[in-house]
N, C-alpha and C. Protein backbone atom coordinates (compact mmCIF):
# COMPACT_ATOMS: atom_id res chain seq x y z
N UNK A 1 20.33 -13.73 32.54
CA UNK A 1 18.98 -13.79 32.05
C UNK A 1 18.32 -15.13 32.33
N UNK A 2 19.09 -16.14 32.64
CA UNK A 2 18.48 -17.45 32.84
C UNK A 2 17.60 -17.50 34.07
N UNK A 3 17.73 -16.54 34.96
CA UNK A 3 16.89 -16.53 36.15
C UNK A 3 15.71 -15.57 36.01
N UNK A 4 15.60 -14.92 34.88
CA UNK A 4 14.51 -13.97 34.66
C UNK A 4 13.33 -14.67 34.01
N UNK A 5 12.16 -14.49 34.58
CA UNK A 5 10.94 -15.05 34.01
C UNK A 5 10.55 -14.20 32.82
N UNK A 6 10.61 -14.75 31.62
CA UNK A 6 10.38 -13.98 30.41
C UNK A 6 9.16 -14.49 29.64
N UNK A 7 8.12 -14.88 30.36
CA UNK A 7 6.90 -15.35 29.71
C UNK A 7 6.03 -14.15 29.33
N UNK A 8 5.25 -14.32 28.27
CA UNK A 8 4.36 -13.26 27.84
C UNK A 8 3.11 -13.88 27.22
N UNK A 9 2.12 -13.04 27.01
CA UNK A 9 0.87 -13.48 26.40
C UNK A 9 0.64 -12.60 25.17
N UNK A 10 0.46 -13.22 24.03
CA UNK A 10 0.28 -12.47 22.79
C UNK A 10 -1.19 -12.28 22.40
N UNK A 11 -2.09 -12.54 23.33
CA UNK A 11 -3.52 -12.46 23.02
C UNK A 11 -3.93 -11.08 22.52
N UNK A 12 -3.41 -10.02 23.12
CA UNK A 12 -3.77 -8.66 22.70
C UNK A 12 -3.33 -8.40 21.26
N UNK A 13 -2.12 -8.84 20.91
CA UNK A 13 -1.64 -8.67 19.53
C UNK A 13 -2.49 -9.47 18.56
N UNK A 14 -2.93 -10.65 18.97
CA UNK A 14 -3.79 -11.46 18.11
C UNK A 14 -5.13 -10.76 17.86
N UNK A 15 -5.68 -10.19 18.92
CA UNK A 15 -6.99 -9.54 18.82
C UNK A 15 -6.93 -8.20 18.09
N UNK A 16 -5.99 -7.34 18.48
CA UNK A 16 -5.96 -5.98 17.94
C UNK A 16 -5.24 -5.84 16.61
N UNK A 17 -4.26 -6.69 16.37
CA UNK A 17 -3.45 -6.57 15.16
C UNK A 17 -3.62 -7.75 14.21
N UNK A 18 -4.50 -8.68 14.58
CA UNK A 18 -4.68 -9.90 13.80
C UNK A 18 -3.37 -10.66 13.63
N UNK A 19 -2.54 -10.62 14.66
CA UNK A 19 -1.25 -11.30 14.67
C UNK A 19 -1.47 -12.81 14.63
N UNK A 20 -0.71 -13.48 13.80
CA UNK A 20 -0.76 -14.92 13.72
C UNK A 20 0.68 -15.44 13.65
N UNK A 21 1.17 -16.03 14.73
CA UNK A 21 2.57 -16.48 14.73
C UNK A 21 2.80 -17.66 13.78
N UNK A 22 4.01 -17.71 13.26
CA UNK A 22 4.41 -18.84 12.41
C UNK A 22 4.97 -19.94 13.30
N UNK A 23 4.98 -21.16 12.83
CA UNK A 23 5.62 -22.23 13.60
C UNK A 23 7.10 -21.89 13.80
N UNK A 24 7.64 -22.28 14.94
CA UNK A 24 9.03 -21.96 15.28
C UNK A 24 10.01 -22.45 14.21
N UNK A 25 9.79 -23.67 13.69
CA UNK A 25 10.74 -24.20 12.71
C UNK A 25 10.78 -23.34 11.44
N UNK A 26 9.66 -22.74 11.07
CA UNK A 26 9.63 -21.87 9.89
C UNK A 26 10.40 -20.58 10.18
N UNK A 27 10.17 -19.99 11.33
CA UNK A 27 10.87 -18.75 11.69
C UNK A 27 12.38 -18.97 11.78
N UNK A 28 12.78 -20.08 12.39
CA UNK A 28 14.21 -20.38 12.53
C UNK A 28 14.83 -20.67 11.17
N UNK A 29 14.15 -21.42 10.33
CA UNK A 29 14.66 -21.71 8.98
C UNK A 29 14.82 -20.42 8.17
N UNK A 30 13.83 -19.54 8.23
CA UNK A 30 13.90 -18.27 7.51
C UNK A 30 15.06 -17.42 8.01
N UNK A 31 15.26 -17.41 9.32
CA UNK A 31 16.37 -16.64 9.89
C UNK A 31 17.71 -17.20 9.44
N UNK A 32 17.85 -18.52 9.50
CA UNK A 32 19.11 -19.15 9.07
C UNK A 32 19.37 -18.86 7.60
N UNK A 33 18.33 -18.97 6.79
CA UNK A 33 18.50 -18.69 5.36
C UNK A 33 18.93 -17.24 5.13
N UNK A 34 18.37 -16.31 5.90
CA UNK A 34 18.73 -14.89 5.76
C UNK A 34 20.22 -14.70 6.05
N UNK A 35 20.72 -15.34 7.12
CA UNK A 35 22.14 -15.23 7.45
C UNK A 35 23.01 -15.79 6.33
N UNK A 36 22.61 -16.91 5.76
CA UNK A 36 23.36 -17.51 4.65
C UNK A 36 23.31 -16.58 3.43
N UNK A 37 22.12 -16.14 3.05
CA UNK A 37 21.95 -15.31 1.86
C UNK A 37 22.67 -13.98 1.95
N UNK A 38 22.87 -13.48 3.15
CA UNK A 38 23.50 -12.18 3.33
C UNK A 38 24.97 -12.26 3.73
N UNK A 39 25.56 -13.44 3.57
CA UNK A 39 27.00 -13.59 3.74
C UNK A 39 27.50 -13.67 5.17
N UNK A 40 26.65 -13.97 6.12
CA UNK A 40 27.07 -14.04 7.52
C UNK A 40 27.54 -15.43 7.93
N UNK A 41 27.49 -16.39 7.00
CA UNK A 41 27.94 -17.75 7.28
C UNK A 41 29.11 -18.05 6.35
N UNK A 42 30.26 -18.44 6.95
CA UNK A 42 31.42 -18.71 6.10
C UNK A 42 31.23 -20.02 5.34
N UNK A 43 31.89 -20.17 4.20
CA UNK A 43 31.69 -21.34 3.33
C UNK A 43 31.95 -22.67 4.04
N UNK A 44 32.93 -22.72 4.92
CA UNK A 44 33.24 -23.96 5.64
C UNK A 44 32.04 -24.39 6.49
N UNK A 45 31.44 -23.47 7.17
CA UNK A 45 30.28 -23.77 8.01
C UNK A 45 29.05 -24.06 7.17
N UNK A 46 28.93 -23.40 6.04
CA UNK A 46 27.77 -23.57 5.17
C UNK A 46 27.60 -25.03 4.74
N UNK A 47 28.70 -25.74 4.56
CA UNK A 47 28.63 -27.13 4.17
C UNK A 47 27.99 -28.02 5.23
N UNK A 48 27.92 -27.55 6.46
CA UNK A 48 27.37 -28.33 7.56
C UNK A 48 25.90 -27.98 7.85
N UNK A 49 25.34 -27.03 7.11
CA UNK A 49 23.97 -26.58 7.36
C UNK A 49 23.04 -27.18 6.31
N UNK A 50 21.96 -27.76 6.75
CA UNK A 50 20.94 -28.29 5.84
C UNK A 50 19.69 -27.45 6.01
N UNK A 51 19.42 -26.62 5.03
CA UNK A 51 18.23 -25.77 5.05
C UNK A 51 17.11 -26.44 4.27
N UNK A 52 15.86 -26.30 4.75
CA UNK A 52 14.75 -26.85 3.98
C UNK A 52 14.59 -26.06 2.68
N UNK A 53 13.91 -26.63 1.73
CA UNK A 53 13.66 -25.94 0.45
C UNK A 53 12.94 -24.63 0.72
N UNK A 54 13.31 -23.62 -0.04
CA UNK A 54 12.66 -22.30 0.11
C UNK A 54 11.19 -22.41 -0.25
N UNK A 55 10.37 -21.70 0.52
CA UNK A 55 8.93 -21.76 0.24
C UNK A 55 8.47 -20.58 -0.57
């Protein structure tokens, strides 16, 4: 996949669906928190993760 051009334009989603993307750090933080909250991160690894305060 590293040689595949995977660029896209979200303008249509913004116009037709009123899509508004979140900042990447917020999306990544939310995803990491979901993995922790749902037991996908073992306790040893959890000690090495610093999650921002929940919003």
